[in-house]
Amino acid sequence: MTQTTSRFFDDISRMVNDAAGMADGVRREVETVMRTQAERILRELDVPSREEFEALREVALKARAENEAQAARIAALEAKLSKTAPTAG
């Protein structure tokens, strides 16, 4: 009787392990399909990749910094010009 019970539990254990392995395989397959579909949809919507977004973000930040520097330079030149310009009178 002990041997039959042990064999029964071994069979149950093997079935549970097989089912867990199958469930993991199904999960990976579903993740792959979902990722593929999401990438296809994003491509169709013309959404940039993360790398493209980060590169464009850096360009925009650099342009903003240069714009602020030029604005400060213009303000300084205008202030200097207004001090040296003769007053109309």
C-alpha atoms as a PDB file:
ATOM      1  CA  MET A   1       0.000   0.000   0.000  1.00  0.00           C
ATOM      2  CA  THR A   2       2.830   2.425   0.821  1.00  0.00           C
ATOM      3  CA  GLN A   3       4.435   1.881  -2.532  1.00  0.00           C
ATOM      4  CA  THR A   4       1.180   2.571  -4.391  1.00  0.00           C
ATOM      5  CA  THR A   5       0.550   5.739  -2.387  1.00  0.00           C
ATOM      6  CA  SER A   6       4.087   6.919  -3.003  1.00  0.00           C
ATOM      7  CA  ARG A   7       3.763   6.228  -6.709  1.00  0.00           C
ATOM      8  CA  PHE A   8       0.406   8.058  -6.761  1.00  0.00           C
ATOM      9  CA  PHE A   9       1.942  11.140  -5.141  1.00  0.00           C
ATOM     10  CA  ASP A  10       4.914  10.948  -7.500  1.00  0.00           C
ATOM     11  CA  ASP A  11       2.533  10.911 -10.456  1.00  0.00           C
ATOM     12  CA  ILE A  12       0.563  13.856  -9.038  1.00  0.00           C
ATOM     13  CA  SER A  13       3.806  15.763  -8.419  1.00  0.00           C
ATOM     14  CA  ARG A  14       4.982  15.088 -11.977  1.00  0.00           C
ATOM     15  CA  MET A  15       1.629  16.274 -13.377  1.00  0.00           C
ATOM     16  CA  VAL A  16       1.764  19.464 -11.312  1.00  0.00           C
ATOM     17  CA  ASN A  17       5.314  20.166 -12.481  1.00  0.00           C
ATOM     18  CA  ASP A  18       4.338  19.535 -16.095  1.00  0.00           C
ATOM     19  CA  ALA A  19       1.328  21.814 -15.753  1.00  0.00           C
ATOM     20  CA  ALA A  20       3.493  24.553 -14.226  1.00  0.00           C
ATOM     21  CA  GLY A  21       5.951  24.213 -17.092  1.00  0.00           C
ATOM     22  CA  MET A  22       3.141  24.418 -19.629  1.00  0.00           C
ATOM     23  CA  ALA A  23       1.669  27.459 -17.882  1.00  0.00           C
ATOM     24  CA  ASP A  24       5.059  29.182 -17.977  1.00  0.00           C
ATOM     25  CA  GLY A  25       5.393  28.396 -21.690  1.00  0.00           C
ATOM     26  CA  VAL A  26       1.914  29.760 -22.377  1.00  0.00           C
ATOM     27  CA  ARG A  27       2.727  32.907 -20.378  1.00  0.00           C
ATOM     28  CA  ARG A  28       5.893  33.503 -22.410  1.00  0.00           C
ATOM     29  CA  GLU A  29       4.021  32.918 -25.663  1.00  0.00           C
ATOM     30  CA  VAL A  30       1.262  35.370 -24.657  1.00  0.00           C
ATOM     31  CA  GLU A  31       3.881  37.978 -23.670  1.00  0.00           C
ATOM     32  CA  THR A  32       5.606  37.561 -27.030  1.00  0.00           C
ATOM     33  CA  VAL A  33       2.355  37.922 -28.956  1.00  0.00           C
ATOM     34  CA  MET A  34       1.301  40.966 -26.912  1.00  0.00           C
ATOM     35  CA  ARG A  35       4.704  42.635 -27.335  1.00  0.00           C
ATOM     36  CA  THR A  36       4.649  41.991 -31.084  1.00  0.00           C
ATOM     37  CA  GLN A  37       1.143  43.420 -31.405  1.00  0.00           C
ATOM     38  CA  ALA A  38       2.040  46.478 -29.304  1.00  0.00           C
ATOM     39  CA  GLU A  39       5.153  47.136 -31.403  1.00  0.00           C
ATOM     40  CA  ARG A  40       3.115  46.795 -34.607  1.00  0.00           C
ATOM     41  CA  ILE A  41       0.492  49.246 -33.358  1.00  0.00           C
ATOM     42  CA  LEU A  42       3.130  51.755 -32.251  1.00  0.00           C
ATOM     43  CA  ARG A  43       4.860  51.490 -35.635  1.00  0.00           C
ATOM     44  CA  GLU A  44       1.569  52.144 -37.406  1.00  0.00           C
ATOM     45  CA  LEU A  45       0.953  55.185 -35.194  1.00  0.00           C
ATOM     46  CA  ASP A  46       4.458  56.429 -36.052  1.00  0.00           C
ATOM     47  CA  VAL A  47       5.434  56.652 -32.382  1.00  0.00           C
ATOM     48  CA  PRO A  48       9.201  57.114 -31.948  1.00  0.00           C
ATOM     49  CA  SER A  49      11.299  54.544 -30.171  1.00  0.00           C
ATOM     50  CA  ARG A  50      12.708  55.329 -26.736  1.00  0.00           C
ATOM     51  CA  GLU A  51      16.152  55.935 -28.249  1.00  0.00           C
ATOM     52  CA  GLU A  52      14.749  58.340 -30.852  1.00  0.00           C
ATOM     53  CA  PHE A  53      12.775  60.152 -28.164  1.00  0.00           C
ATOM     54  CA  GLU A  54      15.809  60.540 -25.909  1.00  0.00           C
ATOM     55  CA  ALA A  55      17.966  61.808 -28.801  1.00  0.00           C
ATOM     56  CA  LEU A  56      15.336  64.374 -29.775  1.00  0.00           C
ATOM     57  CA  ARG A  57      14.935  65.393 -26.132  1.00  0.00           C
ATOM     58  CA  GLU A  58      18.666  66.110 -25.902  1.00  0.00           C
ATOM     59  CA  VAL A  59      18.512  68.223 -29.078  1.00  0.00           C
ATOM     60  CA  ALA A  60      15.548  70.180 -27.674  1.00  0.00           C
ATOM     61  CA  LEU A  61      17.299  70.768 -24.331  1.00  0.00           C
ATOM     62  CA  LYS A  62      20.426  72.006 -26.106  1.00  0.00           C
ATOM     63  CA  ALA A  63      18.359  74.306 -28.335  1.00  0.00           C
ATOM     64  CA  ARG A  64      16.541  75.698 -25.285  1.00  0.00           C
ATOM     65  CA  ALA A  65      19.826  76.408 -23.497  1.00  0.00           C
ATOM     66  CA  GLU A  66      21.234  78.138 -26.583  1.00  0.00           C
ATOM     67  CA  ASN A  67      18.024  80.168 -26.962  1.00  0.00           C
ATOM     68  CA  GLU A  68      18.185  81.305 -23.330  1.00  0.00           C
ATOM     69  CA  ALA A  69      21.862  82.259 -23.738  1.00  0.00           C
ATOM     70  CA  GLN A  70      21.061  84.298 -26.876  1.00  0.00           C
ATOM     71  CA  ALA A  71      18.133  85.997 -25.118  1.00  0.00           C
ATOM     72  CA  ALA A  72      20.412  86.978 -22.226  1.00  0.00           C
ATOM     73  CA  ARG A  73      23.051  88.250 -24.656  1.00  0.00           C
ATOM     74  CA  ILE A  74      20.476  90.342 -26.550  1.00  0.00           C
ATOM     75  CA  ALA A  75      19.118  91.776 -23.299  1.00  0.00           C
ATOM     76  CA  ALA A  76      22.658  92.735 -22.221  1.00  0.00           C
ATOM     77  CA  LEU A  77      23.385  94.358 -25.595  1.00  0.00           C
ATOM     78  CA  GLU A  78      20.096  96.263 -25.533  1.00  0.00           C
ATOM     79  CA  ALA A  79      20.827  97.495 -21.999  1.00  0.00           C
ATOM     80  CA  LYS A  80      24.295  98.602 -23.042  1.00  0.00           C
ATOM     81  CA  LEU A  81      22.903 100.288 -26.145  1.00  0.00           C
ATOM     82  CA  SER A  82      20.267 102.188 -24.185  1.00  0.00           C
ATOM     83  CA  LYS A  83      22.952 103.561 -21.832  1.00  0.00           C
ATOM     84  CA  THR A  84      25.157 104.798 -24.658  1.00  0.00           C
ATOM     85  CA  ALA A  85      22.441 106.114 -26.958  1.00  0.00           C
ATOM     86  CA  PRO A  86      21.970 109.896 -26.905  1.00  0.00           C
ATOM     87  CA  THR A  87      18.692 111.002 -25.429  1.00  0.00           C
ATOM     88  CA  ALA A  88      16.374 112.841 -27.765  1.00  0.00           C
ATOM     89  CA  GLY A  89      15.393 116.159 -26.401  1.00  0.00           C
END
